[in-house]
Amino acid sequence: MISEDKKAEVSSEIMAFVCDESGVDKDNIHLETRLFHDLGIDGIDAYDLLDKYSLKYKVSLGELPHHDYFNEETGISLIAILKRLFGKMHMSNKKPLTIMDLVNGVIMGTLKPDRNEG
């Protein structure tokens, strides 16, 4: 079992990492922040962030079904832009991947959002 101090340290480090990688202000991020739904991290940006996270923190991504949490990179099209601007349906069918999921991934050594508990 991990100490509360260590968990707080990991949490702060992961929030700083996501801020650095995404350009989000630290005041706009907390443990419940969702990468896709709240921060708009999607497609290739999500792949890149998770790849850097995995390498930096030695976390196995295993069989993480990326498409359950993020959209595939489709390039820029008018239809894609309109869906993002006006269609919540495009976002609502994605599972949330939170900062706390990333923290738990570091603690557990593997990212399994549906099973990580800390």
C-alpha atoms as a PDB file:
ATOM      1  CA  MET A   1       0.000   0.000   0.000  1.00  0.00           C
ATOM      2  CA  ILE A   2       1.251   3.463  -0.866  1.00  0.00           C
ATOM      3  CA  SER A   3       1.419   6.259   1.714  1.00  0.00           C
ATOM      4  CA  GLU A   4      -0.811   9.304   1.391  1.00  0.00           C
ATOM      5  CA  ASP A   5       2.305  11.502   1.126  1.00  0.00           C
ATOM      6  CA  LYS A   6       3.613   9.467  -1.813  1.00  0.00           C
ATOM      7  CA  LYS A   7       0.190   9.520  -3.490  1.00  0.00           C
ATOM      8  CA  ALA A   8       0.036  13.323  -3.090  1.00  0.00           C
ATOM      9  CA  GLU A   9       3.541  13.611  -4.558  1.00  0.00           C
ATOM     10  CA  VAL A  10       2.626  11.451  -7.559  1.00  0.00           C
ATOM     11  CA  SER A  11      -0.616  13.410  -8.021  1.00  0.00           C
ATOM     12  CA  SER A  12       1.226  16.745  -8.106  1.00  0.00           C
ATOM     13  CA  GLU A  13       3.795  15.378 -10.528  1.00  0.00           C
ATOM     14  CA  ILE A  14       1.163  13.974 -12.919  1.00  0.00           C
ATOM     15  CA  MET A  15      -0.843  17.211 -12.864  1.00  0.00           C
ATOM     16  CA  ALA A  16       2.329  19.180 -13.667  1.00  0.00           C
ATOM     17  CA  PHE A  17       3.165  16.719 -16.459  1.00  0.00           C
ATOM     18  CA  VAL A  18      -0.287  17.062 -18.058  1.00  0.00           C
ATOM     19  CA  CYS A  19      -0.108  20.875 -17.749  1.00  0.00           C
ATOM     20  CA  ASP A  20       3.303  20.921 -19.422  1.00  0.00           C
ATOM     21  CA  GLU A  21       2.260  18.575 -22.208  1.00  0.00           C
ATOM     22  CA  SER A  22      -1.134  20.122 -22.914  1.00  0.00           C
ATOM     23  CA  GLY A  23      -0.520  23.798 -22.178  1.00  0.00           C
ATOM     24  CA  VAL A  24      -3.384  23.852 -19.672  1.00  0.00           C
ATOM     25  CA  ASP A  25      -3.035  26.264 -16.761  1.00  0.00           C
ATOM     26  CA  LYS A  26      -2.456  24.470 -13.445  1.00  0.00           C
ATOM     27  CA  ASP A  27      -5.455  26.270 -11.921  1.00  0.00           C
ATOM     28  CA  ASN A  28      -7.728  24.471 -14.405  1.00  0.00           C
ATOM     29  CA  ILE A  29      -6.677  20.939 -13.548  1.00  0.00           C
ATOM     30  CA  HIS A  30      -7.515  18.626 -10.651  1.00  0.00           C
ATOM     31  CA  LEU A  31      -7.650  14.879 -10.039  1.00  0.00           C
ATOM     32  CA  GLU A  32     -11.127  14.524 -11.577  1.00  0.00           C
ATOM     33  CA  THR A  33     -10.194  16.422 -14.753  1.00  0.00           C
ATOM     34  CA  ARG A  34     -10.908  14.308 -17.842  1.00  0.00           C
ATOM     35  CA  LEU A  35      -8.303  14.414 -20.585  1.00  0.00           C
ATOM     36  CA  PHE A  36     -10.719  14.346 -23.515  1.00  0.00           C
ATOM     37  CA  HIS A  37     -13.938  15.816 -22.157  1.00  0.00           C
ATOM     38  CA  ASP A  38     -12.442  18.649 -20.069  1.00  0.00           C
ATOM     39  CA  LEU A  39      -9.063  19.348 -21.664  1.00  0.00           C
ATOM     40  CA  GLY A  40      -9.901  18.484 -25.279  1.00  0.00           C
ATOM     41  CA  ILE A  41      -6.903  16.143 -25.617  1.00  0.00           C
ATOM     42  CA  ASP A  42      -7.770  13.882 -28.525  1.00  0.00           C
ATOM     43  CA  GLY A  43      -6.418  11.956 -31.496  1.00  0.00           C
ATOM     44  CA  ILE A  44      -2.673  12.118 -32.061  1.00  0.00           C
ATOM     45  CA  ASP A  45      -2.266  14.508 -29.114  1.00  0.00           C
ATOM     46  CA  ALA A  46      -3.718  11.844 -26.812  1.00  0.00           C
ATOM     47  CA  TYR A  47      -1.432   9.183 -28.323  1.00  0.00           C
ATOM     48  CA  ASP A  48       1.586  11.447 -27.812  1.00  0.00           C
ATOM     49  CA  LEU A  49       0.683  12.354 -24.243  1.00  0.00           C
ATOM     50  CA  LEU A  50       0.101   8.735 -23.232  1.00  0.00           C
ATOM     51  CA  ASP A  51       3.291   7.613 -24.956  1.00  0.00           C
ATOM     52  CA  LYS A  52       5.349  10.221 -23.080  1.00  0.00           C
ATOM     53  CA  TYR A  53       3.531   9.335 -19.835  1.00  0.00           C
ATOM     54  CA  SER A  54       4.243   5.641 -20.339  1.00  0.00           C
ATOM     55  CA  LEU A  55       7.943   6.226 -21.019  1.00  0.00           C
ATOM     56  CA  LYS A  56       8.515   8.802 -18.289  1.00  0.00           C
ATOM     57  CA  TYR A  57       6.705   6.944 -15.512  1.00  0.00           C
ATOM     58  CA  LYS A  58       7.358   3.369 -16.694  1.00  0.00           C
ATOM     59  CA  VAL A  59       3.634   2.648 -16.957  1.00  0.00           C
ATOM     60  CA  SER A  60       2.404  -0.159 -19.172  1.00  0.00           C
ATOM     61  CA  LEU A  61      -0.436   0.873 -21.440  1.00  0.00           C
ATOM     62  CA  GLY A  62      -1.102  -2.795 -22.137  1.00  0.00           C
ATOM     63  CA  GLU A  63      -4.214  -3.267 -24.146  1.00  0.00           C
ATOM     64  CA  LEU A  64      -5.688   0.172 -23.428  1.00  0.00           C
ATOM     65  CA  PRO A  65      -8.483   0.585 -25.989  1.00  0.00           C
ATOM     66  CA  HIS A  66      -7.533   4.092 -27.144  1.00  0.00           C
ATOM     67  CA  HIS A  67     -10.730   4.411 -29.192  1.00  0.00           C
ATOM     68  CA  ASP A  68     -12.840   3.985 -26.022  1.00  0.00           C
ATOM     69  CA  TYR A  69     -11.338   7.171 -24.574  1.00  0.00           C
ATOM     70  CA  PHE A  70     -10.369   9.295 -27.590  1.00  0.00           C
ATOM     71  CA  ASN A  71     -11.342   9.822 -31.211  1.00  0.00           C
ATOM     72  CA  GLU A  72      -9.080   8.675 -33.978  1.00  0.00           C
ATOM     73  CA  GLU A  73      -7.129  11.340 -35.821  1.00  0.00           C
ATOM     74  CA  THR A  74      -9.169  12.209 -38.885  1.00  0.00           C
ATOM     75  CA  GLY A  75      -7.520  15.379 -40.066  1.00  0.00           C
ATOM     76  CA  ILE A  76      -9.264  18.701 -40.273  1.00  0.00           C
ATOM     77  CA  SER A  77     -12.574  18.798 -42.030  1.00  0.00           C
ATOM     78  CA  LEU A  78     -15.544  21.107 -41.837  1.00  0.00           C
ATOM     79  CA  ILE A  79     -17.741  18.266 -40.627  1.00  0.00           C
ATOM     80  CA  ALA A  80     -15.293  17.351 -37.840  1.00  0.00           C
ATOM     81  CA  ILE A  81     -15.081  20.984 -36.730  1.00  0.00           C
ATOM     82  CA  LEU A  82     -18.868  21.375 -36.697  1.00  0.00           C
ATOM     83  CA  LYS A  83     -19.298  18.170 -34.724  1.00  0.00           C
ATOM     84  CA  ARG A  84     -16.808  19.416 -32.127  1.00  0.00           C
ATOM     85  CA  LEU A  85     -18.395  22.848 -31.913  1.00  0.00           C
ATOM     86  CA  PHE A  86     -22.050  21.855 -31.872  1.00  0.00           C
ATOM     87  CA  GLY A  87     -22.273  18.161 -31.124  1.00  0.00           C
ATOM     88  CA  LYS A  88     -21.858  16.873 -27.590  1.00  0.00           C
ATOM     89  CA  MET A  89     -22.825  13.462 -28.942  1.00  0.00           C
ATOM     90  CA  HIS A  90     -19.333  13.174 -30.411  1.00  0.00           C
ATOM     91  CA  MET A  91     -17.835  13.481 -26.920  1.00  0.00           C
ATOM     92  CA  SER A  92     -20.464  11.728 -24.846  1.00  0.00           C
ATOM     93  CA  ASN A  93     -19.771   8.266 -26.207  1.00  0.00           C
ATOM     94  CA  LYS A  94     -16.174   8.299 -24.932  1.00  0.00           C
ATOM     95  CA  LYS A  95     -15.214   6.911 -21.546  1.00  0.00           C
ATOM     96  CA  PRO A  96     -13.527   9.396 -19.226  1.00  0.00           C
ATOM     97  CA  LEU A  97      -9.788   9.078 -18.601  1.00  0.00           C
ATOM     98  CA  THR A  98      -8.927  11.260 -15.634  1.00  0.00           C
ATOM     99  CA  ILE A  99      -5.813  12.638 -14.006  1.00  0.00           C
ATOM    100  CA  MET A 100      -6.541  10.248 -11.127  1.00  0.00           C
ATOM    101  CA  ASP A 101      -6.478   7.339 -13.599  1.00  0.00           C
ATOM    102  CA  LEU A 102      -2.973   8.448 -14.630  1.00  0.00           C
ATOM    103  CA  VAL A 103      -1.926   8.736 -10.975  1.00  0.00           C
ATOM    104  CA  ASN A 104      -3.243   5.248 -10.264  1.00  0.00           C
ATOM    105  CA  GLY A 105      -1.434   3.979 -13.357  1.00  0.00           C
ATOM    106  CA  VAL A 106       1.875   5.199 -11.922  1.00  0.00           C
ATOM    107  CA  ILE A 107       1.115   3.584  -8.575  1.00  0.00           C
ATOM    108  CA  MET A 108       0.013   0.279 -10.133  1.00  0.00           C
ATOM    109  CA  GLY A 109       2.545   0.257 -12.985  1.00  0.00           C
ATOM    110  CA  THR A 110      -0.181  -0.203 -15.580  1.00  0.00           C
ATOM    111  CA  LEU A 111      -2.951   2.022 -16.943  1.00  0.00           C
ATOM    112  CA  LYS A 112      -6.276   0.263 -16.559  1.00  0.00           C
ATOM    113  CA  PRO A 113      -8.811   3.025 -15.897  1.00  0.00           C
ATOM    114  CA  ASP A 114     -11.707   0.627 -15.300  1.00  0.00           C
ATOM    115  CA  ARG A 115      -9.734  -1.256 -12.644  1.00  0.00           C
ATOM    116  CA  ASN A 116      -7.197   1.159 -11.126  1.00  0.00           C
ATOM    117  CA  GLU A 117      -7.788   1.844  -7.497  1.00  0.00           C
ATOM    118  CA  GLY A 118      -5.492   3.777  -5.250  1.00  0.00           C
END
